[in-house]
């Protein structure tokens, strides 16, 4: 976690809170399991094991960053990609998980007609929720975040609504 003291505690709190809300199949990845390959594998397993109308919550607690984009033709010549920083980033072969890659993984879940809530507790995560017309709202405390996530993922959607993403982001940027 490269100096972030609260990540594993946050993951434990989230796991326990999700279990209290009836989520019984949990795939928790920390430390050596939270590499880029491990994060992508978690998404791929979720994609393969899920079906229409299933509700899923993805929670990330860790470093986030910005780096020059790998898709300037899409974002612009001087644009940046917002990233999740996996635990193996110190390795010479490691790579960030970029916003455009995360969007592709989320789209695969939507294509399977899942209702997914993703909570990004990291710097620069706000970019993941800033589509056209996106509202920026603040939520205080884990329980209120989970109440909102559960409501969005399960209760507030019409019965015929499948394949949707709710993004709850902790920060647009971080001040160091």
C-alpha atoms as a PDB file:
ATOM      1  CA  UNK A   1       0.000   0.000   0.000  1.00  0.00           C
ATOM      2  CA  UNK A   2       3.077   2.247  -0.233  1.00  0.00           C
ATOM      3  CA  UNK A   3       2.557   4.242   2.937  1.00  0.00           C
ATOM      4  CA  UNK A   4      -1.247   4.210   3.169  1.00  0.00           C
ATOM      5  CA  UNK A   5      -1.992   2.983   6.670  1.00  0.00           C
ATOM      6  CA  UNK A   6      -5.752   2.491   6.503  1.00  0.00           C
ATOM      7  CA  UNK A   7      -6.336   0.425   3.367  1.00  0.00           C
ATOM      8  CA  UNK A   8      -6.512  -3.049   4.879  1.00  0.00           C
ATOM      9  CA  UNK A   9      -8.677  -1.803   7.740  1.00  0.00           C
ATOM     10  CA  UNK A  10     -10.990  -0.131   5.230  1.00  0.00           C
ATOM     11  CA  UNK A  11     -11.224  -3.360   3.241  1.00  0.00           C
ATOM     12  CA  UNK A  12     -12.078  -5.303   6.394  1.00  0.00           C
ATOM     13  CA  UNK A  13     -14.777  -2.783   7.356  1.00  0.00           C
ATOM     14  CA  UNK A  14     -16.242  -2.912   3.847  1.00  0.00           C
ATOM     15  CA  UNK A  15     -16.191  -6.716   3.763  1.00  0.00           C
ATOM     16  CA  UNK A  16     -17.982  -6.913   7.119  1.00  0.00           C
ATOM     17  CA  UNK A  17     -20.527  -4.263   6.120  1.00  0.00           C
ATOM     18  CA  UNK A  18     -21.298  -6.026   2.832  1.00  0.00           C
ATOM     19  CA  UNK A  19     -21.771  -9.335   4.643  1.00  0.00           C
ATOM     20  CA  UNK A  20     -24.228  -7.660   7.030  1.00  0.00           C
ATOM     21  CA  UNK A  21     -26.160  -6.520   3.954  1.00  0.00           C
ATOM     22  CA  UNK A  22     -26.448 -10.004   2.505  1.00  0.00           C
ATOM     23  CA  UNK A  23     -23.530 -10.128   0.092  1.00  0.00           C
ATOM     24  CA  UNK A  24     -22.346 -13.696   0.645  1.00  0.00           C
ATOM     25  CA  UNK A  25     -19.885 -14.265  -2.195  1.00  0.00           C
ATOM     26  CA  UNK A  26     -16.862 -12.049  -1.609  1.00  0.00           C
ATOM     27  CA  UNK A  27     -13.523 -11.994  -3.405  1.00  0.00           C
ATOM     28  CA  UNK A  28     -11.186  -9.892  -1.257  1.00  0.00           C
ATOM     29  CA  UNK A  29      -7.753  -9.098  -2.656  1.00  0.00           C
ATOM     30  CA  UNK A  30      -5.113  -7.289  -0.605  1.00  0.00           C
ATOM     31  CA  UNK A  31      -1.337  -6.966  -0.625  1.00  0.00           C
ATOM     32  CA  UNK A  32       0.148  -9.596  -2.988  1.00  0.00           C
ATOM     33  CA  UNK A  33      -3.266 -10.429  -4.439  1.00  0.00           C
ATOM     34  CA  UNK A  34      -3.965  -6.780  -5.367  1.00  0.00           C
ATOM     35  CA  UNK A  35      -1.508  -6.694  -8.254  1.00  0.00           C
ATOM     36  CA  UNK A  36      -2.678  -5.420 -11.620  1.00  0.00           C
ATOM     37  CA  UNK A  37      -3.075  -9.011 -12.814  1.00  0.00           C
ATOM     38  CA  UNK A  38      -4.955  -9.879  -9.611  1.00  0.00           C
ATOM     39  CA  UNK A  39      -7.349  -6.942  -9.961  1.00  0.00           C
ATOM     40  CA  UNK A  40      -8.055  -7.736 -13.618  1.00  0.00           C
ATOM     41  CA  UNK A  41      -8.489 -11.431 -12.735  1.00  0.00           C
ATOM     42  CA  UNK A  42     -11.054 -10.466 -10.084  1.00  0.00           C
ATOM     43  CA  UNK A  43     -13.050  -8.542 -12.672  1.00  0.00           C
ATOM     44  CA  UNK A  44     -12.795 -11.409 -15.173  1.00  0.00           C
ATOM     45  CA  UNK A  45     -14.020 -13.910 -12.577  1.00  0.00           C
ATOM     46  CA  UNK A  46     -16.941 -11.626 -11.743  1.00  0.00           C
ATOM     47  CA  UNK A  47     -17.759 -11.246 -15.440  1.00  0.00           C
ATOM     48  CA  UNK A  48     -17.729 -15.019 -15.908  1.00  0.00           C
ATOM     49  CA  UNK A  49     -19.727 -15.884 -12.787  1.00  0.00           C
ATOM     50  CA  UNK A  50     -22.494 -13.311 -13.041  1.00  0.00           C
ATOM     51  CA  UNK A  51     -25.761 -13.055 -14.849  1.00  0.00           C
ATOM     52  CA  UNK A  52     -28.537 -10.593 -15.684  1.00  0.00           C
ATOM     53  CA  UNK A  53     -29.863  -8.654 -12.722  1.00  0.00           C
ATOM     54  CA  UNK A  54     -27.100  -9.728 -10.344  1.00  0.00           C
ATOM     55  CA  UNK A  55     -25.893  -6.972  -8.025  1.00  0.00           C
ATOM     56  CA  UNK A  56     -22.181  -6.563  -7.381  1.00  0.00           C
ATOM     57  CA  UNK A  57     -20.040  -4.143  -5.404  1.00  0.00           C
ATOM     58  CA  UNK A  58     -16.398  -3.499  -6.303  1.00  0.00           C
ATOM     59  CA  UNK A  59     -14.406  -1.625  -3.664  1.00  0.00           C
ATOM     60  CA  UNK A  60     -10.890  -0.257  -4.146  1.00  0.00           C
ATOM     61  CA  UNK A  61      -8.901   1.312  -1.335  1.00  0.00           C
ATOM     62  CA  UNK A  62      -5.391   2.368  -2.285  1.00  0.00           C
ATOM     63  CA  UNK A  63      -3.338   4.828  -4.221  1.00  0.00           C
ATOM     64  CA  UNK A  64      -4.678   6.485  -7.327  1.00  0.00           C
ATOM     65  CA  UNK A  65      -2.686   8.526  -9.785  1.00  0.00           C
ATOM     66  CA  UNK A  66      -2.496  10.369 -13.064  1.00  0.00           C
ATOM     67  CA  UNK A  67      -0.191   9.671 -15.954  1.00  0.00           C
ATOM     68  CA  UNK A  68      -0.013  10.810 -19.589  1.00  0.00           C
ATOM     69  CA  UNK A  69      -2.720   9.083 -21.582  1.00  0.00           C
ATOM     70  CA  UNK A  70      -2.088   6.071 -23.767  1.00  0.00           C
ATOM     71  CA  UNK A  71      -4.989   7.137 -25.990  1.00  0.00           C
ATOM     72  CA  UNK A  72      -4.275  10.733 -27.065  1.00  0.00           C
ATOM     73  CA  UNK A  73      -6.460  10.226 -30.158  1.00  0.00           C
ATOM     74  CA  UNK A  74      -9.398   9.697 -27.806  1.00  0.00           C
ATOM     75  CA  UNK A  75      -8.592  12.061 -24.928  1.00  0.00           C
ATOM     76  CA  UNK A  76      -6.382  14.700 -26.521  1.00  0.00           C
ATOM     77  CA  UNK A  77      -2.651  15.228 -26.956  1.00  0.00           C
ATOM     78  CA  UNK A  78      -1.931  16.554 -23.448  1.00  0.00           C
ATOM     79  CA  UNK A  79      -4.553  14.552 -21.558  1.00  0.00           C
ATOM     80  CA  UNK A  80      -4.024  12.200 -18.637  1.00  0.00           C
ATOM     81  CA  UNK A  81      -5.339   8.831 -17.604  1.00  0.00           C
ATOM     82  CA  UNK A  82      -6.498   8.434 -14.025  1.00  0.00           C
ATOM     83  CA  UNK A  83      -5.197   5.198 -12.567  1.00  0.00           C
ATOM     84  CA  UNK A  84      -5.505   2.682  -9.810  1.00  0.00           C
ATOM     85  CA  UNK A  85      -2.063   1.832  -8.441  1.00  0.00           C
ATOM     86  CA  UNK A  86      -1.716  -1.931  -7.889  1.00  0.00           C
ATOM     87  CA  UNK A  87       0.552  -3.328  -5.183  1.00  0.00           C
ATOM     88  CA  UNK A  88       3.141  -4.556  -7.683  1.00  0.00           C
ATOM     89  CA  UNK A  89       3.736  -1.100  -9.182  1.00  0.00           C
ATOM     90  CA  UNK A  90       7.325  -1.100  -7.867  1.00  0.00           C
ATOM     91  CA  UNK A  91       8.193  -3.971 -10.210  1.00  0.00           C
ATOM     92  CA  UNK A  92       9.896  -3.068 -13.484  1.00  0.00           C
ATOM     93  CA  UNK A  93       7.166  -4.926 -15.406  1.00  0.00           C
ATOM     94  CA  UNK A  94       4.184  -3.536 -13.486  1.00  0.00           C
ATOM     95  CA  UNK A  95       1.557  -1.245 -14.986  1.00  0.00           C
ATOM     96  CA  UNK A  96      -1.173   0.976 -13.664  1.00  0.00           C
ATOM     97  CA  UNK A  97      -4.804   0.038 -14.182  1.00  0.00           C
ATOM     98  CA  UNK A  98      -5.939   3.006 -16.270  1.00  0.00           C
ATOM     99  CA  UNK A  99      -9.393   4.556 -16.354  1.00  0.00           C
ATOM    100  CA  UNK A 100      -9.940   3.448 -19.923  1.00  0.00           C
ATOM    101  CA  UNK A 101      -9.115  -0.151 -18.978  1.00  0.00           C
ATOM    102  CA  UNK A 102     -11.407   0.039 -15.954  1.00  0.00           C
ATOM    103  CA  UNK A 103     -14.154   1.389 -18.208  1.00  0.00           C
ATOM    104  CA  UNK A 104     -13.727  -1.629 -20.509  1.00  0.00           C
ATOM    105  CA  UNK A 105     -14.033  -4.036 -17.559  1.00  0.00           C
ATOM    106  CA  UNK A 106     -17.115  -2.214 -16.263  1.00  0.00           C
ATOM    107  CA  UNK A 107     -18.675  -2.271 -19.733  1.00  0.00           C
ATOM    108  CA  UNK A 108     -18.223  -6.052 -19.845  1.00  0.00           C
ATOM    109  CA  UNK A 109     -20.219  -6.262 -16.591  1.00  0.00           C
ATOM    110  CA  UNK A 110     -22.925  -3.965 -17.956  1.00  0.00           C
ATOM    111  CA  UNK A 111     -23.067  -6.073 -21.133  1.00  0.00           C
ATOM    112  CA  UNK A 112     -23.843  -9.074 -18.884  1.00  0.00           C
ATOM    113  CA  UNK A 113     -26.683  -6.970 -17.442  1.00  0.00           C
ATOM    114  CA  UNK A 114     -25.243  -6.635 -13.943  1.00  0.00           C
ATOM    115  CA  UNK A 115     -26.091  -3.800 -11.624  1.00  0.00           C
ATOM    116  CA  UNK A 116     -22.690  -2.814 -10.273  1.00  0.00           C
ATOM    117  CA  UNK A 117     -21.635  -0.301  -7.668  1.00  0.00           C
ATOM    118  CA  UNK A 118     -17.967   0.619  -7.691  1.00  0.00           C
ATOM    119  CA  UNK A 119     -16.474   2.518  -4.770  1.00  0.00           C
ATOM    120  CA  UNK A 120     -13.058   4.058  -5.459  1.00  0.00           C
ATOM    121  CA  UNK A 121     -11.348   5.205  -2.259  1.00  0.00           C
ATOM    122  CA  UNK A 122      -8.278   6.715  -3.881  1.00  0.00           C
ATOM    123  CA  UNK A 123      -6.829   9.948  -5.154  1.00  0.00           C
ATOM    124  CA  UNK A 124      -7.890  10.968  -8.668  1.00  0.00           C
ATOM    125  CA  UNK A 125     -10.871   8.595  -8.575  1.00  0.00           C
ATOM    126  CA  UNK A 126     -13.309  11.420  -9.295  1.00  0.00           C
ATOM    127  CA  UNK A 127     -12.484  11.224 -12.991  1.00  0.00           C
ATOM    128  CA  UNK A 128     -14.179   7.844 -13.112  1.00  0.00           C
ATOM    129  CA  UNK A 129     -17.517   9.463 -12.306  1.00  0.00           C
ATOM    130  CA  UNK A 130     -17.358  12.608 -14.411  1.00  0.00           C
ATOM    131  CA  UNK A 131     -19.253  11.664 -17.521  1.00  0.00           C
ATOM    132  CA  UNK A 132     -21.420  14.212 -19.263  1.00  0.00           C
ATOM    133  CA  UNK A 133     -23.937  15.597 -16.817  1.00  0.00           C
ATOM    134  CA  UNK A 134     -22.643  13.566 -13.852  1.00  0.00           C
ATOM    135  CA  UNK A 135     -23.627  14.951 -10.476  1.00  0.00           C
ATOM    136  CA  UNK A 136     -20.989  15.361  -7.793  1.00  0.00           C
ATOM    137  CA  UNK A 137     -22.307  14.453  -4.358  1.00  0.00           C
ATOM    138  CA  UNK A 138     -20.612  13.965  -1.024  1.00  0.00           C
ATOM    139  CA  UNK A 139     -21.329  11.035   1.270  1.00  0.00           C
ATOM    140  CA  UNK A 140     -20.046  10.845   4.833  1.00  0.00           C
ATOM    141  CA  UNK A 141     -19.040   7.613   6.520  1.00  0.00           C
ATOM    142  CA  UNK A 142     -18.936   3.998   5.447  1.00  0.00           C
ATOM    143  CA  UNK A 143     -22.488   3.171   6.498  1.00  0.00           C
ATOM    144  CA  UNK A 144     -23.964   6.031   4.477  1.00  0.00           C
ATOM    145  CA  UNK A 145     -21.875   5.030   1.446  1.00  0.00           C
ATOM    146  CA  UNK A 146     -23.085   1.453   1.768  1.00  0.00           C
ATOM    147  CA  UNK A 147     -26.677   2.502   2.300  1.00  0.00           C
ATOM    148  CA  UNK A 148     -26.481   4.507  -0.934  1.00  0.00           C
ATOM    149  CA  UNK A 149     -24.616   1.721  -2.767  1.00  0.00           C
ATOM    150  CA  UNK A 150     -27.097  -0.928  -1.674  1.00  0.00           C
ATOM    151  CA  UNK A 151     -30.035   1.277  -2.602  1.00  0.00           C
ATOM    152  CA  UNK A 152     -28.562   2.047  -6.016  1.00  0.00           C
ATOM    153  CA  UNK A 153     -27.532  -1.538  -6.703  1.00  0.00           C
ATOM    154  CA  UNK A 154     -30.630  -3.326  -5.509  1.00  0.00           C
ATOM    155  CA  UNK A 155     -33.610  -1.346  -4.280  1.00  0.00           C
ATOM    156  CA  UNK A 156     -33.976   1.888  -6.258  1.00  0.00           C
ATOM    157  CA  UNK A 157     -33.847   0.414  -9.744  1.00  0.00           C
ATOM    158  CA  UNK A 158     -37.021  -0.564 -11.574  1.00  0.00           C
ATOM    159  CA  UNK A 159     -37.539  -4.323 -11.898  1.00  0.00           C
ATOM    160  CA  UNK A 160     -36.726  -4.262 -15.615  1.00  0.00           C
ATOM    161  CA  UNK A 161     -33.501  -2.284 -15.221  1.00  0.00           C
ATOM    162  CA  UNK A 162     -30.391  -4.353 -15.742  1.00  0.00           C
ATOM    163  CA  UNK A 163     -26.873  -3.462 -16.741  1.00  0.00           C
ATOM    164  CA  UNK A 164     -26.071  -0.267 -14.899  1.00  0.00           C
ATOM    165  CA  UNK A 165     -23.077   1.207 -13.065  1.00  0.00           C
ATOM    166  CA  UNK A 166     -23.102   3.433 -10.001  1.00  0.00           C
ATOM    167  CA  UNK A 167     -19.749   5.079  -9.224  1.00  0.00           C
ATOM    168  CA  UNK A 168     -18.907   6.470  -5.807  1.00  0.00           C
ATOM    169  CA  UNK A 169     -15.545   8.216  -5.888  1.00  0.00           C
ATOM    170  CA  UNK A 170     -13.587   9.562  -2.933  1.00  0.00           C
ATOM    171  CA  UNK A 171     -11.560  12.315  -4.544  1.00  0.00           C
ATOM    172  CA  UNK A 172     -11.145  14.169  -7.820  1.00  0.00           C
ATOM    173  CA  UNK A 173      -7.544  14.957  -6.856  1.00  0.00           C
ATOM    174  CA  UNK A 174      -5.384  14.864  -3.760  1.00  0.00           C
ATOM    175  CA  UNK A 175      -3.423  17.640  -2.164  1.00  0.00           C
ATOM    176  CA  UNK A 176      -0.061  16.440  -0.986  1.00  0.00           C
END
